[in-house]
N, C-alpha and C. Protein backbone atom coordinates (compact mmCIF):
# COMPACT_ATOMS: atom_id res chain seq x y z
N UNK A 1 114.54 114.87 59.72
CA UNK A 1 114.18 113.41 59.79
C UNK A 1 114.58 112.98 57.99
N UNK A 2 115.02 113.63 57.14
CA UNK A 2 115.18 112.96 55.86
C UNK A 2 116.08 111.88 56.04
N UNK A 3 117.50 111.95 56.96
CA UNK A 3 118.45 111.11 56.83
C UNK A 3 117.58 109.49 57.28
N UNK A 4 116.79 110.17 58.27
CA UNK A 4 116.47 108.72 58.78
C UNK A 4 115.31 108.09 58.12
N UNK A 5 114.61 108.96 57.27
CA UNK A 5 113.84 108.36 56.10
C UNK A 5 114.95 107.07 55.42
N UNK A 6 115.75 107.75 55.06
CA UNK A 6 116.91 107.10 53.75
C UNK A 6 117.19 105.93 54.94
N UNK A 7 117.59 106.02 55.78
CA UNK A 7 118.17 104.82 56.53
C UNK A 7 117.34 103.61 56.66
N UNK A 8 115.95 104.04 57.12
CA UNK A 8 114.82 103.12 57.07
C UNK A 8 114.51 102.75 55.47
N UNK A 9 114.50 103.04 54.51
CA UNK A 9 113.95 102.79 53.28
C UNK A 9 114.92 101.88 52.50
N UNK A 10 116.67 101.96 52.97
CA UNK A 10 117.59 101.11 52.16
C UNK A 10 117.69 99.95 53.30
N UNK A 11 117.04 100.15 54.57
CA UNK A 11 117.48 98.81 55.54
C UNK A 11 116.39 98.07 55.21
N UNK A 12 115.38 98.08 55.31
CA UNK A 12 113.93 97.55 55.30
C UNK A 12 113.39 98.01 54.01
N UNK A 13 112.08 96.76 54.05
CA UNK A 13 111.05 97.06 52.87
C UNK A 13 109.69 97.32 53.11
N UNK A 14 109.53 97.57 52.44
CA UNK A 14 107.65 98.15 52.68
C UNK A 14 106.87 96.75 53.50
N UNK A 15 106.26 97.10 54.53
CA UNK A 15 105.54 96.23 55.42
C UNK A 15 106.60 95.34 56.38
N UNK A 16 107.61 95.79 56.54
CA UNK A 16 108.66 95.23 57.68
C UNK A 16 108.55 95.95 58.78
N UNK A 17 108.50 95.80 60.08
CA UNK A 17 108.86 96.28 61.56
C UNK A 17 109.82 97.19 61.87
N UNK A 18 110.01 98.49 62.11
CA UNK A 18 110.82 99.44 62.65
C UNK A 18 110.28 99.23 64.19
N UNK A 19 111.35 99.03 64.83
CA UNK A 19 111.05 99.06 66.29
C UNK A 19 112.51 100.33 67.12
N UNK A 20 111.66 100.97 67.68
CA UNK A 20 112.48 101.99 68.50
C UNK A 20 112.32 102.06 70.10
N UNK A 21 113.05 101.34 70.69
CA UNK A 21 112.92 101.43 72.04
C UNK A 21 113.07 102.39 72.97
N UNK A 22 113.46 103.60 72.61
CA UNK A 22 113.72 104.74 72.94
C UNK A 22 112.96 105.95 72.33
N UNK A 23 111.80 105.92 71.89
CA UNK A 23 111.18 106.76 70.67
C UNK A 23 111.34 108.10 70.70
N UNK A 24 111.06 108.10 72.35
CA UNK A 24 111.12 110.18 72.74
C UNK A 24 110.33 110.92 72.03
N UNK A 25 110.30 111.78 71.12
CA UNK A 25 109.34 112.75 70.31
C UNK A 25 108.73 111.95 69.03
N UNK A 26 109.17 110.80 68.93
CA UNK A 26 108.68 109.84 67.80
C UNK A 26 109.14 110.00 66.36
N UNK A 27 110.42 110.52 65.98
CA UNK A 27 110.88 110.70 64.76
C UNK A 27 111.11 109.54 63.92
N UNK A 28 111.47 108.63 64.89
CA UNK A 28 111.68 107.44 64.08
C UNK A 28 110.38 106.70 63.70
N UNK A 29 108.94 106.80 64.36
CA UNK A 29 107.71 106.03 64.36
C UNK A 29 107.42 106.98 63.03
N UNK A 30 107.42 108.44 62.99
CA UNK A 30 106.87 108.91 61.57
C UNK A 30 107.81 108.83 60.46
N UNK A 31 108.78 108.50 60.39
CA UNK A 31 109.54 108.10 59.09
C UNK A 31 109.07 106.73 59.02
N UNK A 32 108.99 105.81 59.69
CA UNK A 32 108.43 104.35 59.04
C UNK A 32 107.15 104.59 58.69
N UNK A 33 106.56 105.10 59.21
CA UNK A 33 104.98 105.41 58.87
C UNK A 33 105.08 105.85 57.30
N UNK A 34 105.60 107.00 57.31
CA UNK A 34 105.79 107.65 55.79
C UNK A 34 106.46 106.89 55.04
N UNK A 35 106.95 105.73 55.45
CA UNK A 35 107.86 104.80 54.30
C UNK A 35 106.81 103.57 54.09
N UNK A 36 106.06 103.41 54.97
CA UNK A 36 105.01 102.65 54.34
C UNK A 36 105.53 101.35 55.36
N UNK A 37 105.96 101.38 56.72
CA UNK A 37 106.53 99.99 57.34
C UNK A 37 105.82 100.24 58.72
N UNK A 38 105.75 99.15 58.72
CA UNK A 38 105.01 99.04 60.23
C UNK A 38 105.71 99.24 61.12
N UNK A 39 105.47 99.63 62.64
CA UNK A 39 106.29 100.28 63.55
C UNK A 39 106.09 99.80 65.01
N UNK A 40 107.13 99.96 66.02
CA UNK A 40 106.74 99.79 67.09
C UNK A 40 107.89 101.16 67.85
N UNK A 41 107.10 101.45 69.23
CA UNK A 41 107.73 102.52 69.56
C UNK A 41 107.42 102.35 70.93
N UNK A 42 108.79 102.42 71.88
CA UNK A 42 108.71 102.29 73.35
C UNK A 42 109.43 103.45 74.27
N UNK A 43 109.00 104.31 75.00
CA UNK A 43 109.69 105.06 75.98
C UNK A 43 109.01 105.16 77.44
N UNK A 44 109.85 105.35 78.51
CA UNK A 44 109.47 105.09 79.91
C UNK A 44 108.76 106.44 80.08
N UNK A 45 109.03 107.39 79.58
CA UNK A 45 108.26 108.78 79.92
C UNK A 45 106.78 108.54 79.35
N UNK A 46 105.79 108.89 80.36
CA UNK A 46 104.69 109.10 79.57
C UNK A 46 104.35 110.33 78.35
N UNK A 47 104.79 111.16 78.75
CA UNK A 47 104.74 112.86 78.39
C UNK A 47 105.49 112.47 76.91
N UNK A 48 106.22 111.65 76.77
CA UNK A 48 107.01 111.28 75.34
C UNK A 48 105.61 110.45 74.62
N UNK A 49 105.05 109.12 75.14
CA UNK A 49 103.92 108.62 74.63
C UNK A 49 102.77 109.43 74.37
N UNK A 50 102.62 110.67 75.30
CA UNK A 50 101.43 111.77 74.61
C UNK A 50 101.85 112.47 73.75
N UNK A 51 102.79 112.90 73.80
CA UNK A 51 103.52 113.82 72.19
C UNK A 51 103.24 112.98 71.22
N UNK A 52 103.78 111.64 71.03
CA UNK A 52 103.77 110.91 69.98
C UNK A 52 102.28 110.96 69.49
N UNK A 53 101.22 110.31 70.38
CA UNK A 53 100.13 110.10 70.16
C UNK A 53 99.23 111.38 69.48
N UNK A 54 99.65 112.78 70.24
CA UNK A 54 99.09 113.83 69.41
C UNK A 54 99.49 114.21 68.04
N UNK A 55 100.89 113.61 67.99
CA UNK A 55 101.54 113.80 66.43
C UNK A 55 100.51 112.64 65.66
N UNK A 56 100.31 111.45 65.82
CA UNK A 56 99.71 110.71 65.15
C UNK A 56 98.76 110.92 64.72
N UNK A 57 97.64 111.28 65.66
CA UNK A 57 96.27 111.96 65.60
C UNK A 57 96.50 113.35 64.47
N UNK A 58 96.96 114.13 65.12
CA UNK A 58 96.62 115.44 64.28
C UNK A 58 97.31 115.37 62.98
N UNK A 59 98.74 114.85 63.24
CA UNK A 59 99.53 115.08 61.97
C UNK A 59 99.06 114.06 60.48
N UNK A 60 98.77 112.79 61.36
CA UNK A 60 98.76 111.71 60.30
C UNK A 60 97.01 111.19 60.37
N UNK A 61 96.35 111.70 61.40
CA UNK A 61 94.95 111.29 61.30
C UNK A 61 94.58 109.79 61.61
N UNK A 62 95.75 109.17 62.20
CA UNK A 62 95.41 107.92 63.20
C UNK A 62 94.83 107.90 64.23
N UNK A 63 93.97 107.16 64.22
CA UNK A 63 93.14 106.85 65.36
C UNK A 63 93.32 105.46 66.46
N UNK A 64 93.48 105.87 67.70
CA UNK A 64 93.93 105.00 68.74
C UNK A 64 93.18 103.89 68.53
N UNK A 65 93.26 102.36 68.76
CA UNK A 65 92.72 101.49 68.63
C UNK A 65 91.93 100.94 67.29
N UNK A 66 92.43 101.95 66.52
CA UNK A 66 91.59 101.61 65.02
C UNK A 66 92.97 101.36 63.91
N UNK A 67 93.82 102.26 63.95
CA UNK A 67 95.09 102.20 63.14
C UNK A 67 96.47 101.96 64.16
N UNK A 68 95.94 102.25 65.27
CA UNK A 68 97.35 101.73 66.11
C UNK A 68 96.70 101.46 67.68
N UNK A 69 97.47 100.56 68.28
CA UNK A 69 97.20 100.45 69.73
C UNK A 69 98.31 101.28 70.61
N UNK A 70 97.96 101.38 71.98
CA UNK A 70 98.71 101.81 73.00
C UNK A 70 98.64 100.89 74.25
N UNK A 71 99.64 100.68 75.04
CA UNK A 71 99.56 99.63 76.11
C UNK A 71 100.72 100.26 76.97
N UNK A 72 100.23 100.00 78.47
CA UNK A 72 100.90 100.53 79.53
C UNK A 72 100.47 101.74 79.97
N UNK A 73 99.64 102.49 79.67
CA UNK A 73 99.08 103.78 79.83
C UNK A 73 97.76 104.00 80.04
N UNK A 74 97.18 103.79 81.27
CA UNK A 74 95.87 104.04 81.55
C UNK A 74 94.92 105.09 80.62
N UNK A 75 94.19 104.35 79.95
CA UNK A 75 93.12 105.55 79.57
C UNK A 75 91.77 105.03 79.70
N UNK A 76 91.40 104.73 81.06
CA UNK A 76 90.01 104.27 81.58
C UNK A 76 90.22 104.51 83.26
N UNK A 77 89.02 104.73 83.72
CA UNK A 77 89.24 104.44 84.98
C UNK A 77 89.46 103.21 85.58
N UNK A 78 89.28 102.16 85.20
CA UNK A 78 89.66 100.88 85.72
C UNK A 78 91.06 100.84 85.49
N UNK A 79 91.61 101.21 84.42
CA UNK A 79 93.16 101.04 84.16
C UNK A 79 93.95 102.17 85.04
N UNK A 80 93.36 103.33 85.37
CA UNK A 80 94.19 103.78 86.37
C UNK A 80 93.79 103.26 87.36
N UNK A 81 93.11 102.74 88.09
CA UNK A 81 92.75 101.77 89.56
C UNK A 81 93.79 100.76 89.61
N UNK A 82 93.94 100.21 88.32
CA UNK A 82 95.00 99.08 88.50
C UNK A 82 96.17 99.30 88.85
N UNK A 83 96.64 100.63 87.82
CA UNK A 83 97.85 101.26 87.78
C UNK A 83 98.27 101.62 89.51
N UNK A 84 97.11 102.07 90.29
CA UNK A 84 97.04 102.67 91.66
C UNK A 84 97.59 101.36 92.76
N UNK A 85 96.68 100.01 92.09
CA UNK A 85 97.00 98.93 93.03
C UNK A 85 98.16 98.57 93.26
N UNK A 86 98.64 98.80 91.54
CA UNK A 86 100.35 98.17 91.60
C UNK A 86 101.42 99.33 91.82
N UNK A 87 101.30 100.14 91.41
CA UNK A 87 102.39 101.05 91.85
C UNK A 87 101.83 102.86 92.06
N UNK A 88 101.24 103.31 93.37
CA UNK A 88 101.12 104.22 93.73
C UNK A 88 101.62 105.73 93.01
N UNK A 89 102.96 105.91 93.44
CA UNK A 89 103.52 106.86 92.87
C UNK A 89 103.62 106.95 91.27
N UNK A 90 103.53 105.39 90.46
CA UNK A 90 103.31 105.93 88.96
C UNK A 90 102.01 106.42 88.84
N UNK A 91 100.87 106.13 89.40
CA UNK A 91 99.61 106.47 89.49
C UNK A 91 99.73 108.28 89.38
N UNK A 92 100.40 108.45 90.49
CA UNK A 92 100.43 110.01 90.56
C UNK A 92 101.47 110.72 89.40
N UNK A 93 102.23 110.12 89.25
CA UNK A 93 103.07 110.73 87.61
C UNK A 93 102.37 110.51 86.80
N UNK A 94 101.35 109.82 86.10
CA UNK A 94 100.54 110.02 85.29
C UNK A 94 99.35 110.79 85.28
N UNK A 95 98.90 110.77 86.29
CA UNK A 95 97.74 111.70 86.72
C UNK A 95 98.27 113.27 86.43
N UNK A 96 99.73 113.61 87.26
CA UNK A 96 100.09 114.69 86.87
C UNK A 96 100.12 114.93 85.18
N UNK A 97 100.83 113.99 84.55
CA UNK A 97 101.02 114.38 83.22
C UNK A 97 99.78 114.52 82.51
N UNK A 98 98.74 113.37 82.97
CA UNK A 98 97.25 113.50 81.87
C UNK A 98 96.67 115.05 82.14
N UNK A 99 96.86 115.95 82.85
CA UNK A 99 96.17 117.22 83.06
C UNK A 99 97.36 118.30 82.63
N UNK A 100 98.14 117.63 81.56
CA UNK A 100 98.72 118.54 81.15
C UNK A 100 100.32 119.12 82.18
N UNK A 101 100.22 118.54 83.37
CA UNK A 101 101.26 119.28 84.50
C UNK A 101 102.47 118.22 84.35
N UNK A 102 103.58 118.38 85.48
CA UNK A 102 104.76 117.90 85.25
C UNK A 102 104.69 117.60 86.53
N UNK A 103 105.06 115.95 86.84
CA UNK A 103 105.54 115.23 87.84
C UNK A 103 106.47 115.61 88.75
N UNK A 104 106.18 115.95 90.22
CA UNK A 104 107.65 116.40 91.16
C UNK A 104 108.59 115.02 91.42
N UNK A 105 109.79 114.96 91.81
CA UNK A 105 110.66 113.81 92.31
C UNK A 105 109.93 113.16 93.23
N UNK A 106 110.08 112.01 93.34
CA UNK A 106 109.55 111.11 94.49
C UNK A 106 110.56 111.78 95.95
N UNK A 107 109.63 112.12 96.72
CA UNK A 107 110.39 112.71 97.66
C UNK A 107 109.34 112.16 99.13
N UNK A 108 109.53 112.94 100.32
CA UNK A 108 108.86 112.76 101.27
C UNK A 108 107.59 113.24 101.68
N UNK A 109 107.52 114.17 100.53
CA UNK A 109 106.50 115.37 100.37
C UNK A 109 104.74 114.41 100.02
N UNK A 110 103.92 114.49 101.24
CA UNK A 110 102.75 113.69 100.77
C UNK A 110 101.79 114.38 100.24
N UNK A 111 102.33 115.68 99.96
CA UNK A 111 101.02 116.44 99.59
C UNK A 111 101.22 116.82 97.92
N UNK A 112 102.58 117.22 97.31
CA UNK A 112 102.82 117.97 96.17
C UNK A 112 103.24 116.81 95.16
N UNK A 113 102.36 116.06 94.07
CA UNK A 113 102.58 115.54 93.18
C UNK A 113 102.91 115.97 91.91
N UNK A 114 102.76 116.97 91.80
CA UNK A 114 102.84 117.52 90.33
C UNK A 114 102.69 118.99 89.87
N UNK A 115 102.92 119.87 89.04
CA UNK A 115 102.82 121.10 88.89
C UNK A 115 102.16 121.59 87.46
N UNK A 116 101.77 122.41 87.22
CA UNK A 116 101.18 122.77 85.87
C UNK A 116 101.80 124.24 86.10
N UNK A 117 102.46 124.56 84.86
CA UNK A 117 102.79 125.96 84.52
C UNK A 117 101.87 126.73 83.65
N UNK A 118 101.47 128.11 83.93
CA UNK A 118 100.93 128.83 82.93
C UNK A 118 101.39 130.00 83.02
N UNK A 119 101.28 130.62 81.93
CA UNK A 119 101.53 131.93 81.61
C UNK A 119 100.86 133.34 82.08
N UNK A 120 101.64 133.85 82.49
CA UNK A 120 101.48 135.16 83.16
C UNK A 120 101.95 136.67 82.47
N UNK A 121 101.87 137.54 82.85
CA UNK A 121 102.12 139.00 81.79
C UNK A 121 104.13 138.85 81.69
N UNK A 122 104.60 138.57 82.70
CA UNK A 122 106.24 138.53 82.52
C UNK A 122 106.52 137.07 83.41
N UNK A 123 105.96 136.44 83.63
CA UNK A 123 106.55 135.03 84.32
C UNK A 123 105.43 134.15 84.62
N UNK A 124 106.20 132.96 85.10
CA UNK A 124 105.28 131.45 85.25
C UNK A 124 104.17 131.47 86.37
N UNK A 125 103.08 131.43 86.12
CA UNK A 125 102.15 130.80 87.31
C UNK A 125 102.55 129.48 87.59
N UNK A 126 101.83 129.11 88.49
CA UNK A 126 102.33 127.50 89.03
C UNK A 126 100.75 127.07 89.71
N UNK A 127 100.60 126.13 89.26
CA UNK A 127 99.33 125.23 89.99
C UNK A 127 99.90 123.86 90.56
N UNK A 128 100.04 124.00 91.75
CA UNK A 128 100.23 122.54 92.49
C UNK A 128 99.25 121.67 92.40
N UNK A 129 99.84 120.13 91.96
CA UNK A 129 98.52 119.30 92.27
C UNK A 129 98.77 117.84 93.32
N UNK A 130 98.03 117.78 93.97
CA UNK A 130 97.69 116.56 94.55
C UNK A 130 96.93 115.51 94.08
N UNK A 131 97.54 114.33 94.35
CA UNK A 131 96.90 113.26 93.88
C UNK A 131 96.71 112.36 94.63
N UNK A 132 95.28 111.74 95.10
CA UNK A 132 94.93 110.53 95.89
C UNK A 132 94.24 109.47 95.07
N UNK A 133 94.68 108.09 95.30
CA UNK A 133 93.89 107.01 94.92
C UNK A 133 93.13 106.37 95.98
N UNK A 134 93.26 106.88 97.08
CA UNK A 134 92.57 105.86 98.26
C UNK A 134 92.09 106.87 99.10
N UNK A 135 91.29 106.50 100.02
CA UNK A 135 90.45 107.44 100.67
C UNK A 135 90.70 108.88 100.76
N UNK A 136 89.85 109.78 100.76
CA UNK A 136 90.11 111.14 100.73
C UNK A 136 89.05 112.02 101.60
N UNK A 137 89.87 113.05 102.28
CA UNK A 137 88.94 113.63 103.24
C UNK A 137 89.26 115.02 103.43
N UNK A 138 88.09 116.06 103.90
CA UNK A 138 88.49 117.08 103.79
C UNK A 138 89.79 118.03 104.57
N UNK A 139 90.65 117.38 105.14
CA UNK A 139 91.75 117.75 105.48
C UNK A 139 92.82 117.80 104.35
N UNK A 140 92.70 116.73 103.39
CA UNK A 140 93.52 116.51 102.45
C UNK A 140 93.64 118.18 101.78
N UNK A 141 92.27 118.81 101.30
CA UNK A 141 92.09 120.17 100.98
C UNK A 141 92.56 121.07 101.70
N UNK A 142 92.71 121.35 102.76
CA UNK A 142 92.94 121.85 103.95
C UNK A 142 94.39 121.98 103.83
N UNK A 143 95.25 120.70 103.48
CA UNK A 143 96.75 120.52 103.18
C UNK A 143 97.42 121.36 102.15
N UNK A 144 96.30 121.32 101.03
CA UNK A 144 96.46 121.61 99.92
C UNK A 144 97.02 123.01 100.18
N UNK A 145 95.70 123.88 100.80
CA UNK A 145 95.65 124.97 100.95
C UNK A 145 96.86 125.78 102.10
N UNK A 146 97.26 124.65 102.58
CA UNK A 146 98.68 125.14 103.35
C UNK A 146 99.94 125.60 102.81
N UNK A 147 99.76 124.48 101.68
CA UNK A 147 100.71 124.65 100.72
C UNK A 147 101.11 126.09 100.15
N UNK A 148 99.41 126.44 99.35
CA UNK A 148 99.74 127.80 98.75
C UNK A 148 99.98 128.81 99.72
N UNK A 149 99.33 128.44 100.85
CA UNK A 149 99.88 129.51 101.94
C UNK A 149 101.35 130.12 102.41
N UNK A 150 102.18 128.47 102.15
CA UNK A 150 103.60 128.79 102.64
C UNK A 150 104.20 128.97 101.40
N UNK A 151 103.74 128.79 100.32
CA UNK A 151 104.49 128.64 98.71
C UNK A 151 104.77 129.54 98.13
N UNK A 152 105.47 130.81 98.45
CA UNK A 152 104.95 131.82 97.34
C UNK A 152 104.95 131.77 95.96
N UNK A 153 105.75 130.63 95.45
CA UNK A 153 105.44 130.30 93.86
C UNK A 153 104.26 129.85 93.67
N UNK A 154 103.28 129.36 94.55
CA UNK A 154 102.43 128.37 94.13
C UNK A 154 100.87 129.39 94.24
N UNK A 155 100.00 129.43 92.97
CA UNK A 155 99.30 130.50 93.02
C UNK A 155 97.82 129.28 92.94
N UNK A 156 98.01 128.53 92.29
CA UNK A 156 96.64 127.48 92.26
C UNK A 156 96.82 126.31 92.65
N UNK A 157 95.62 125.50 93.43
CA UNK A 157 96.00 124.32 94.00
C UNK A 157 95.21 123.18 93.03
N UNK A 158 95.46 122.47 92.51
CA UNK A 158 94.70 121.20 91.93
C UNK A 158 94.79 120.03 92.47
N UNK A 159 93.33 119.46 92.83
CA UNK A 159 93.52 118.03 93.76
C UNK A 159 92.48 117.15 93.04
N UNK A 160 93.53 115.81 92.43
CA UNK A 160 92.74 114.80 91.46
C UNK A 160 92.75 113.75 92.54
N UNK A 161 91.34 113.18 92.33
CA UNK A 161 91.05 111.86 93.26
C UNK A 161 90.37 110.90 92.28
N UNK A 162 90.63 109.64 93.12
CA UNK A 162 89.90 108.46 92.57
C UNK A 162 88.69 108.29 92.87
N UNK A 163 88.83 108.66 93.76
CA UNK A 163 87.15 108.69 94.65
C UNK A 163 86.24 110.05 94.55
N UNK A 164 84.97 109.98 94.48
CA UNK A 164 84.38 111.10 94.38
C UNK A 164 84.23 112.04 95.67
N UNK A 165 84.61 113.12 95.56
CA UNK A 165 84.73 113.95 96.70
C UNK A 165 83.32 114.11 97.39
N UNK A 166 83.74 114.19 98.87
CA UNK A 166 82.46 114.71 99.59
C UNK A 166 82.00 116.33 99.69
N UNK A 167 80.80 115.80 99.94
CA UNK A 167 80.32 117.82 99.77
C UNK A 167 81.28 118.62 100.92
N UNK A 168 81.89 117.89 101.99
CA UNK A 168 82.32 119.03 102.80
C UNK A 168 83.77 119.26 102.41
N UNK A 169 84.56 118.39 101.34
CA UNK A 169 85.54 118.66 100.68
C UNK A 169 85.29 119.64 99.64
N UNK A 170 84.25 119.52 98.99
CA UNK A 170 83.81 120.47 97.93
C UNK A 170 83.63 121.83 98.50
N UNK A 171 83.19 121.89 99.75
CA UNK A 171 82.76 123.33 100.68
C UNK A 171 84.32 123.76 101.10
N UNK A 172 85.05 122.71 101.51
CA UNK A 172 86.64 123.28 101.92
C UNK A 172 87.45 123.82 100.75
N UNK A 173 87.06 123.43 99.64
CA UNK A 173 87.83 124.00 98.36
C UNK A 173 87.19 125.11 98.06
N UNK A 174 85.63 125.28 97.95
CA UNK A 174 85.06 126.81 97.94
C UNK A 174 85.38 127.84 98.77
N UNK A 175 85.69 127.38 100.27
CA UNK A 175 86.29 128.47 101.10
C UNK A 175 87.23 129.09 101.00
N UNK A 176 88.20 128.03 99.96
CA UNK A 176 89.34 128.85 99.63
C UNK A 176 89.54 130.26 99.04
N UNK A 177 88.07 130.28 98.06
CA UNK A 177 88.19 131.38 97.36
C UNK A 177 88.49 131.12 96.15
N UNK A 178 88.79 132.72 95.53
CA UNK A 178 88.93 132.91 94.00
C UNK A 178 90.33 133.54 93.50
N UNK A 179 90.90 133.22 92.78
CA UNK A 179 92.02 134.26 92.32
C UNK A 179 92.03 134.80 90.84
N UNK A 180 92.15 136.17 90.85
CA UNK A 180 91.49 136.90 89.60
C UNK A 180 92.78 137.03 88.92
N UNK A 181 92.39 137.07 87.58
CA UNK A 181 94.01 137.17 86.48
C UNK A 181 92.95 137.94 85.41
N UNK A 182 93.27 138.84 84.82
CA UNK A 182 92.88 139.61 83.60
C UNK A 182 91.45 139.78 83.63
N UNK A 183 91.02 140.00 84.64
CA UNK A 183 89.53 140.07 84.60
C UNK A 183 88.67 138.63 84.69
N UNK A 184 89.36 137.30 84.98
CA UNK A 184 88.74 136.27 84.99
C UNK A 184 88.78 135.54 86.27
N UNK A 185 87.91 135.12 86.80
CA UNK A 185 88.05 134.89 88.21
C UNK A 185 88.13 132.96 88.27
N UNK A 186 89.25 132.39 89.03
CA UNK A 186 89.64 130.92 88.96
C UNK A 186 89.36 130.45 90.43
N UNK A 187 89.00 129.28 90.81
CA UNK A 187 88.80 128.62 91.87
C UNK A 187 90.35 128.84 92.55
N UNK A 188 90.49 129.09 93.97
CA UNK A 188 92.08 129.03 94.32
C UNK A 188 92.01 127.49 94.08
N UNK A 189 91.13 126.79 94.93
CA UNK A 189 91.37 125.36 95.16
C UNK A 189 90.51 124.39 94.13
N UNK A 190 90.66 123.66 93.10
CA UNK A 190 89.98 123.07 92.11
C UNK A 190 90.15 121.12 92.42
N UNK A 191 89.06 120.66 92.02
CA UNK A 191 88.81 119.34 92.39
C UNK A 191 88.57 118.57 91.10
N UNK A 192 89.16 117.77 90.44
CA UNK A 192 88.63 116.72 89.31
C UNK A 192 88.85 115.40 90.17
N UNK A 193 87.94 114.44 89.51
CA UNK A 193 88.24 113.32 89.93
C UNK A 193 88.75 112.52 88.46
N UNK A 194 89.10 111.23 88.39
CA UNK A 194 89.77 110.73 87.31
C UNK A 194 88.87 110.34 86.37
N UNK A 195 87.75 109.71 86.83
CA UNK A 195 86.63 109.78 85.90
C UNK A 195 86.28 110.82 84.77
N UNK A 196 86.65 112.40 85.56
CA UNK A 196 86.01 113.81 84.95
C UNK A 196 87.42 113.80 84.15
N UNK A 197 88.87 113.67 84.24
CA UNK A 197 89.63 113.75 83.69
C UNK A 197 89.99 112.87 82.19
N UNK A 198 89.49 111.66 82.57
CA UNK A 198 89.65 110.60 81.69
C UNK A 198 88.88 110.15 80.79
N UNK A 199 87.44 110.18 81.12
CA UNK A 199 85.94 110.08 80.74
C UNK A 199 85.38 111.13 79.99
N UNK A 200 85.57 112.27 81.00
CA UNK A 200 84.83 113.80 80.20
C UNK A 200 86.09 114.53 79.46
N UNK A 201 87.09 114.52 79.84
CA UNK A 201 88.18 115.21 79.42
C UNK A 201 88.26 116.45 79.96
N UNK A 202 87.86 116.70 81.30
CA UNK A 202 88.22 118.04 81.71
C UNK A 202 89.42 118.37 82.30
N UNK A 203 89.80 119.69 82.50
CA UNK A 203 90.99 119.91 82.89
C UNK A 203 91.07 120.92 84.09
N UNK A 204 92.04 121.22 84.75
CA UNK A 204 91.84 122.66 85.84
C UNK A 204 91.57 123.80 84.87
N UNK A 205 91.08 124.61 85.57
CA UNK A 205 91.05 126.25 84.96
C UNK A 205 92.18 126.96 85.23
N UNK A 206 92.93 127.27 84.52
CA UNK A 206 94.32 128.05 84.43
C UNK A 206 93.97 128.96 83.35
N UNK A 207 95.24 130.64 83.46
CA UNK A 207 95.33 130.93 82.27
C UNK A 207 95.95 129.98 81.40
N UNK A 208 96.47 130.38 80.30
CA UNK A 208 97.41 129.77 79.39
C UNK A 208 98.63 128.69 79.62
N UNK A 209 98.02 127.62 79.39
CA UNK A 209 99.03 126.50 79.97
C UNK A 209 100.43 126.31 78.99
N UNK A 210 101.60 126.29 79.71
CA UNK A 210 102.68 126.04 78.76
C UNK A 210 102.31 124.50 78.42
N UNK A 211 101.82 123.87 77.49
CA UNK A 211 101.23 122.84 77.16
C UNK A 211 102.37 122.11 76.42
N UNK A 212 102.08 120.61 76.18
CA UNK A 212 103.10 119.94 75.66
C UNK A 212 103.06 119.90 74.28
N UNK A 213 102.24 120.78 73.58
CA UNK A 213 102.22 121.23 72.20
C UNK A 213 103.04 122.58 71.83
N UNK A 214 103.11 123.10 72.84
CA UNK A 214 103.44 124.55 72.94
C UNK A 214 105.25 124.66 72.69
N UNK A 215 105.70 124.32 73.60
CA UNK A 215 107.13 124.59 73.17
C UNK A 215 107.80 122.95 74.15
N UNK A 216 108.89 122.74 73.23
CA UNK A 216 109.33 121.84 73.34
C UNK A 216 110.30 121.83 74.21
N UNK A 217 111.09 122.93 74.99
CA UNK A 217 111.63 123.21 76.12
C UNK A 217 110.99 123.02 77.40
N UNK A 218 109.92 122.98 77.64
CA UNK A 218 109.11 123.23 78.63
C UNK A 218 109.49 121.74 79.45
N UNK A 219 110.12 120.99 78.98
CA UNK A 219 110.10 119.64 79.71
C UNK A 219 111.45 119.86 80.50
N UNK A 220 112.10 121.07 80.53
CA UNK A 220 113.34 121.21 81.20
C UNK A 220 112.97 122.75 82.71
N UNK A 221 111.85 122.46 82.38
CA UNK A 221 111.49 123.31 83.47
C UNK A 221 111.64 122.95 85.16
N UNK A 222 112.20 123.64 85.88
CA UNK A 222 112.49 122.84 86.94
C UNK A 222 110.99 122.82 87.95
N UNK A 223 110.67 121.36 88.68
CA UNK A 223 109.93 120.87 89.12
C UNK A 223 110.30 120.23 90.64
């Protein structure tokens, strides 16, 4: 970052605006901030925006909506609903990344929208994710259970829903049973609402995740 810091300092003055249209991990943003420049960063990847946000808060103590603004990514139930109405696929993509997962490619698969990877003894475990923004039914849970039964790489299933799940859906998830690892039991099928992940900051129960803060190479995992 030293060279970038030098470029910014010799090509601009304090208070000027530095714009990076492909900010990635945010190196330009951090250099601009440290040089007392204003800055604007853009990126098409939600994961990149979250990485930058984590650094702005953890490294520089900046608070969103106070020291900086974030636009284009849902941060409330209302904005998530708006994204679903505009582009359901992008909403599925956002939800998968919001819970520290990786969205799958857009295919004809109507069940799996993302995957969460977590550490096991000598391999990676996988939680497959299904995201629903419209009407949800117990059959959606049964479909997710079917994926777990058919996919030898899938260990757990996570269901994300915009609407509150019914009692029958909860019962269907409970009937899937538990998965045990190192003496800890994890529900085989877990359900979270958009309200729970956004407003209550809840996350799926898994062993240690391969999370966005842990390893940069995780973005190359096959999904």
